[in-house]
Amino acid sequence: MGCGVATLEHRHVGVMWKTVSEDCNLACDYCYYSTCGGKPGPKINRIDSAILEKFIKEYMARAQGAASFAWQGGEPLLAGMEFFEEAVSLQARYAPKGTSIGNSIQTNGTLINDRWAAFFKKYNFLVGVSWTVQRIFMMRGGWTRAGRAAFTG
């Protein structure tokens, strides 16, 4: 669970969080990152709330009018709705007046439902969904490593 910070135009800073470390709900053959085999443990390795608050507070103090957050995983939605509600609340609390806040998330899309969609719309998240030839095959009747249908329909 780390973050990388990149400076943009010497004024604006962007941050990318590995929201849940390598935890993921899929076991894609091509994945170079996750070693959990699509079966994250009983406790998701998400960013600790105290670390999240400390970082957002310090980051916003340096935002200079704009702050962008990119959320990745494993599968970042495994962190749960409550985690992202906390993150946007902290962003709003610590952002200097007039700061433009942007959030983006890269997901495999399997956990997106109406509640997530409403959340993304409410907070204007840019959502990237990872699709590959393998995922398309799986939608047409492929299977997981456990031998079950990955998608139906």
C-alpha atoms as a PDB file:
ATOM      1  CA  MET A   1       0.000   0.000   0.000  1.00  0.00           C
ATOM      2  CA  GLY A   2       2.080   2.818  -1.233  1.00  0.00           C
ATOM      3  CA  CYS A   3       1.689   5.941  -3.218  1.00  0.00           C
ATOM      4  CA  GLY A   4       3.678   7.681  -5.881  1.00  0.00           C
ATOM      5  CA  VAL A   5       3.696  11.428  -6.343  1.00  0.00           C
ATOM      6  CA  ALA A   6       4.385  13.137  -9.683  1.00  0.00           C
ATOM      7  CA  THR A   7       4.849  16.854 -10.184  1.00  0.00           C
ATOM      8  CA  LEU A   8       2.901  18.364 -13.068  1.00  0.00           C
ATOM      9  CA  GLU A   9       3.962  21.732 -14.493  1.00  0.00           C
ATOM     10  CA  HIS A  10       5.837  22.516 -11.259  1.00  0.00           C
ATOM     11  CA  ARG A  11       2.522  23.741  -9.750  1.00  0.00           C
ATOM     12  CA  HIS A  12       0.086  20.887  -9.562  1.00  0.00           C
ATOM     13  CA  VAL A  13       0.771  17.587  -7.893  1.00  0.00           C
ATOM     14  CA  GLY A  14      -0.997  14.329  -8.687  1.00  0.00           C
ATOM     15  CA  VAL A  15      -1.031  11.215  -6.549  1.00  0.00           C
ATOM     16  CA  MET A  16      -1.639   7.551  -7.389  1.00  0.00           C
ATOM     17  CA  TRP A  17      -2.637   5.204  -4.597  1.00  0.00           C
ATOM     18  CA  LYS A  18      -2.418   1.430  -4.614  1.00  0.00           C
ATOM     19  CA  THR A  19      -5.657   1.428  -2.655  1.00  0.00           C
ATOM     20  CA  VAL A  20      -5.748  -2.227  -1.615  1.00  0.00           C
ATOM     21  CA  SER A  21      -2.202  -3.280  -2.409  1.00  0.00           C
ATOM     22  CA  GLU A  22      -2.423  -6.402  -4.568  1.00  0.00           C
ATOM     23  CA  ASP A  23      -5.802  -7.688  -3.383  1.00  0.00           C
ATOM     24  CA  CYS A  24      -8.023  -8.560  -6.349  1.00  0.00           C
ATOM     25  CA  ASN A  25     -11.200 -10.545  -6.957  1.00  0.00           C
ATOM     26  CA  LEU A  26     -10.003 -11.949 -10.308  1.00  0.00           C
ATOM     27  CA  ALA A  27      -7.152 -14.301 -11.169  1.00  0.00           C
ATOM     28  CA  CYS A  28      -6.224 -13.157 -14.653  1.00  0.00           C
ATOM     29  CA  ASP A  29      -3.461 -15.200 -16.264  1.00  0.00           C
ATOM     30  CA  TYR A  30      -1.794 -12.065 -17.595  1.00  0.00           C
ATOM     31  CA  CYS A  31      -1.649 -10.200 -14.266  1.00  0.00           C
ATOM     32  CA  TYR A  32       1.883  -9.341 -13.207  1.00  0.00           C
ATOM     33  CA  TYR A  33       0.918  -7.845  -9.859  1.00  0.00           C
ATOM     34  CA  SER A  34      -1.520  -9.857  -7.756  1.00  0.00           C
ATOM     35  CA  THR A  35      -0.457 -13.085  -6.084  1.00  0.00           C
ATOM     36  CA  CYS A  36      -3.728 -13.765  -4.231  1.00  0.00           C
ATOM     37  CA  GLY A  37      -5.152 -15.856  -7.094  1.00  0.00           C
ATOM     38  CA  GLY A  38      -8.438 -13.949  -7.138  1.00  0.00           C
ATOM     39  CA  LYS A  39      -9.079 -14.829  -3.498  1.00  0.00           C
ATOM     40  CA  PRO A  40      -8.160 -11.894  -1.293  1.00  0.00           C
ATOM     41  CA  GLY A  41      -7.878 -12.738   2.381  1.00  0.00           C
ATOM     42  CA  PRO A  42     -10.582 -12.118   4.950  1.00  0.00           C
ATOM     43  CA  LYS A  43      -9.035  -8.699   5.675  1.00  0.00           C
ATOM     44  CA  ILE A  44      -8.517  -6.417   2.678  1.00  0.00           C
ATOM     45  CA  ASN A  45      -5.129  -4.670   2.819  1.00  0.00           C
ATOM     46  CA  ARG A  46      -6.481  -1.170   2.300  1.00  0.00           C
ATOM     47  CA  ILE A  47      -4.858   2.107   3.239  1.00  0.00           C
ATOM     48  CA  ASP A  48      -5.155   2.807   6.959  1.00  0.00           C
ATOM     49  CA  SER A  49      -7.549   5.671   7.785  1.00  0.00           C
ATOM     50  CA  ALA A  50      -4.949   7.578   9.827  1.00  0.00           C
ATOM     51  CA  ILE A  51      -2.436   7.429   6.961  1.00  0.00           C
ATOM     52  CA  LEU A  52      -5.117   8.437   4.470  1.00  0.00           C
ATOM     53  CA  GLU A  53      -6.099  11.472   6.548  1.00  0.00           C
ATOM     54  CA  LYS A  54      -2.511  12.545   7.231  1.00  0.00           C
ATOM     55  CA  PHE A  55      -1.583  12.316   3.582  1.00  0.00           C
ATOM     56  CA  ILE A  56      -4.684  14.096   2.253  1.00  0.00           C
ATOM     57  CA  LYS A  57      -4.254  16.886   4.820  1.00  0.00           C
ATOM     58  CA  GLU A  58      -0.588  17.434   3.869  1.00  0.00           C
ATOM     59  CA  TYR A  59      -1.240  16.997   0.145  1.00  0.00           C
ATOM     60  CA  MET A  60      -4.061  19.535   0.126  1.00  0.00           C
ATOM     61  CA  ALA A  61      -1.838  22.040   1.903  1.00  0.00           C
ATOM     62  CA  ARG A  62       0.411  21.918  -1.184  1.00  0.00           C
ATOM     63  CA  ALA A  63      -2.351  21.650  -3.794  1.00  0.00           C
ATOM     64  CA  GLN A  64      -2.057  25.208  -5.162  1.00  0.00           C
ATOM     65  CA  GLY A  65      -5.515  25.239  -6.697  1.00  0.00           C
ATOM     66  CA  ALA A  66      -5.777  21.678  -8.017  1.00  0.00           C
ATOM     67  CA  ALA A  67      -5.449  18.196  -6.560  1.00  0.00           C
ATOM     68  CA  SER A  68      -5.809  14.949  -8.479  1.00  0.00           C
ATOM     69  CA  PHE A  69      -6.122  11.477  -7.015  1.00  0.00           C
ATOM     70  CA  ALA A  70      -5.780   8.251  -9.030  1.00  0.00           C
ATOM     71  CA  TRP A  71      -6.967   5.097  -7.272  1.00  0.00           C
ATOM     72  CA  GLN A  72      -5.683   1.676  -8.348  1.00  0.00           C
ATOM     73  CA  GLY A  73      -5.319  -1.772  -6.848  1.00  0.00           C
ATOM     74  CA  GLY A  74      -5.274  -4.808  -7.209  1.00  0.00           C
ATOM     75  CA  GLU A  75      -8.970  -4.095  -7.424  1.00  0.00           C
ATOM     76  CA  PRO A  76      -9.552  -0.764  -5.639  1.00  0.00           C
ATOM     77  CA  LEU A  77     -13.301  -1.271  -5.173  1.00  0.00           C
ATOM     78  CA  LEU A  78     -12.459  -4.023  -2.670  1.00  0.00           C
ATOM     79  CA  ALA A  79     -11.610  -1.168  -0.279  1.00  0.00           C
ATOM     80  CA  GLY A  80     -15.366  -0.614  -0.018  1.00  0.00           C
ATOM     81  CA  MET A  81     -17.715   2.303  -0.482  1.00  0.00           C
ATOM     82  CA  GLU A  82     -17.006   3.529   3.064  1.00  0.00           C
ATOM     83  CA  PHE A  83     -13.311   3.958   2.230  1.00  0.00           C
ATOM     84  CA  PHE A  84     -14.030   6.139  -0.796  1.00  0.00           C
ATOM     85  CA  GLU A  85     -16.699   8.116   1.082  1.00  0.00           C
ATOM     86  CA  GLU A  86     -14.048   8.816   3.721  1.00  0.00           C
ATOM     87  CA  ALA A  87     -11.519   9.832   1.051  1.00  0.00           C
ATOM     88  CA  VAL A  88     -13.806  12.367  -0.668  1.00  0.00           C
ATOM     89  CA  SER A  89     -14.898  13.709   2.738  1.00  0.00           C
ATOM     90  CA  LEU A  90     -11.256  14.257   3.742  1.00  0.00           C
ATOM     91  CA  GLN A  91     -10.530  15.882   0.384  1.00  0.00           C
ATOM     92  CA  ALA A  92     -13.375  18.345   0.933  1.00  0.00           C
ATOM     93  CA  ARG A  93     -12.390  18.987   4.563  1.00  0.00           C
ATOM     94  CA  TYR A  94      -8.743  19.786   3.856  1.00  0.00           C
ATOM     95  CA  ALA A  95      -8.930  21.410   0.422  1.00  0.00           C
ATOM     96  CA  PRO A  96      -8.147  25.125   0.484  1.00  0.00           C
ATOM     97  CA  LYS A  97     -11.034  27.274  -0.739  1.00  0.00           C
ATOM     98  CA  GLY A  98     -11.298  27.196  -4.543  1.00  0.00           C
ATOM     99  CA  THR A  99      -9.294  23.979  -4.981  1.00  0.00           C
ATOM    100  CA  SER A 100     -10.333  21.815  -7.930  1.00  0.00           C
ATOM    101  CA  ILE A 101     -10.374  18.151  -6.871  1.00  0.00           C
ATOM    102  CA  GLY A 102     -10.234  15.327  -9.398  1.00  0.00           C
ATOM    103  CA  ASN A 103     -10.569  11.607  -8.763  1.00  0.00           C
ATOM    104  CA  SER A 104      -9.967   8.747 -11.168  1.00  0.00           C
ATOM    105  CA  ILE A 105     -10.164   5.021 -10.576  1.00  0.00           C
ATOM    106  CA  GLN A 106      -8.944   2.012 -12.565  1.00  0.00           C
ATOM    107  CA  THR A 107     -11.073  -1.076 -11.951  1.00  0.00           C
ATOM    108  CA  ASN A 108     -11.826  -4.442 -13.495  1.00  0.00           C
ATOM    109  CA  GLY A 109     -15.480  -3.374 -13.339  1.00  0.00           C
ATOM    110  CA  THR A 110     -16.883  -6.565 -11.836  1.00  0.00           C
ATOM    111  CA  LEU A 111     -17.981  -4.888  -8.595  1.00  0.00           C
ATOM    112  CA  ILE A 112     -19.641  -1.827 -10.120  1.00  0.00           C
ATOM    113  CA  ASN A 113     -23.338  -1.689  -9.316  1.00  0.00           C
ATOM    114  CA  ASP A 114     -25.957   1.095  -9.167  1.00  0.00           C
ATOM    115  CA  ARG A 115     -24.631   2.344  -5.824  1.00  0.00           C
ATOM    116  CA  TRP A 116     -21.073   2.632  -7.138  1.00  0.00           C
ATOM    117  CA  ALA A 117     -22.298   4.289 -10.330  1.00  0.00           C
ATOM    118  CA  ALA A 118     -24.235   6.881  -8.315  1.00  0.00           C
ATOM    119  CA  PHE A 119     -21.170   7.541  -6.154  1.00  0.00           C
ATOM    120  CA  PHE A 120     -18.920   8.001  -9.191  1.00  0.00           C
ATOM    121  CA  LYS A 121     -21.445  10.365 -10.754  1.00  0.00           C
ATOM    122  CA  LYS A 122     -21.954  12.367  -7.555  1.00  0.00           C
ATOM    123  CA  TYR A 123     -18.215  12.959  -7.128  1.00  0.00           C
ATOM    124  CA  ASN A 124     -17.420  13.170 -10.842  1.00  0.00           C
ATOM    125  CA  PHE A 125     -14.944  10.262 -10.852  1.00  0.00           C
ATOM    126  CA  LEU A 126     -13.202   9.368 -14.093  1.00  0.00           C
ATOM    127  CA  VAL A 127     -13.638   5.586 -14.262  1.00  0.00           C
ATOM    128  CA  GLY A 128     -11.328   3.371 -16.302  1.00  0.00           C
ATOM    129  CA  VAL A 129     -12.424  -0.242 -16.773  1.00  0.00           C
ATOM    130  CA  SER A 130      -9.762  -2.771 -17.725  1.00  0.00           C
ATOM    131  CA  TRP A 131     -10.903  -4.909 -20.641  1.00  0.00           C
ATOM    132  CA  THR A 132      -8.779  -7.409 -22.504  1.00  0.00           C
ATOM    133  CA  VAL A 133      -9.324 -10.108 -25.089  1.00  0.00           C
ATOM    134  CA  GLN A 134      -9.228 -12.610 -22.235  1.00  0.00           C
ATOM    135  CA  ARG A 135     -12.016 -10.779 -20.358  1.00  0.00           C
ATOM    136  CA  ILE A 136     -14.151 -10.644 -23.505  1.00  0.00           C
ATOM    137  CA  PHE A 137     -13.640 -14.391 -23.950  1.00  0.00           C
ATOM    138  CA  MET A 138     -14.631 -14.963 -20.331  1.00  0.00           C
ATOM    139  CA  MET A 139     -17.872 -13.029 -20.883  1.00  0.00           C
ATOM    140  CA  ARG A 140     -18.722 -15.407 -23.689  1.00  0.00           C
ATOM    141  CA  GLY A 141     -18.552 -18.467 -21.474  1.00  0.00           C
ATOM    142  CA  GLY A 142     -15.004 -18.561 -20.155  1.00  0.00           C
ATOM    143  CA  TRP A 143     -14.075 -19.765 -16.715  1.00  0.00           C
ATOM    144  CA  THR A 144     -12.072 -18.849 -13.640  1.00  0.00           C
ATOM    145  CA  ARG A 145      -9.064 -20.790 -12.378  1.00  0.00           C
ATOM    146  CA  ALA A 146     -11.456 -22.461  -9.943  1.00  0.00           C
ATOM    147  CA  GLY A 147     -13.351 -23.846 -12.957  1.00  0.00           C
ATOM    148  CA  ARG A 148     -16.502 -21.722 -12.500  1.00  0.00           C
ATOM    149  CA  ALA A 149     -18.088 -19.454 -15.074  1.00  0.00           C
ATOM    150  CA  ALA A 150     -16.557 -16.026 -14.745  1.00  0.00           C
ATOM    151  CA  PHE A 151     -19.516 -14.194 -16.281  1.00  0.00           C
ATOM    152  CA  THR A 152     -22.934 -15.235 -17.390  1.00  0.00           C
ATOM    153  CA  GLY A 153     -25.104 -13.593 -19.991  1.00  0.00           C
END
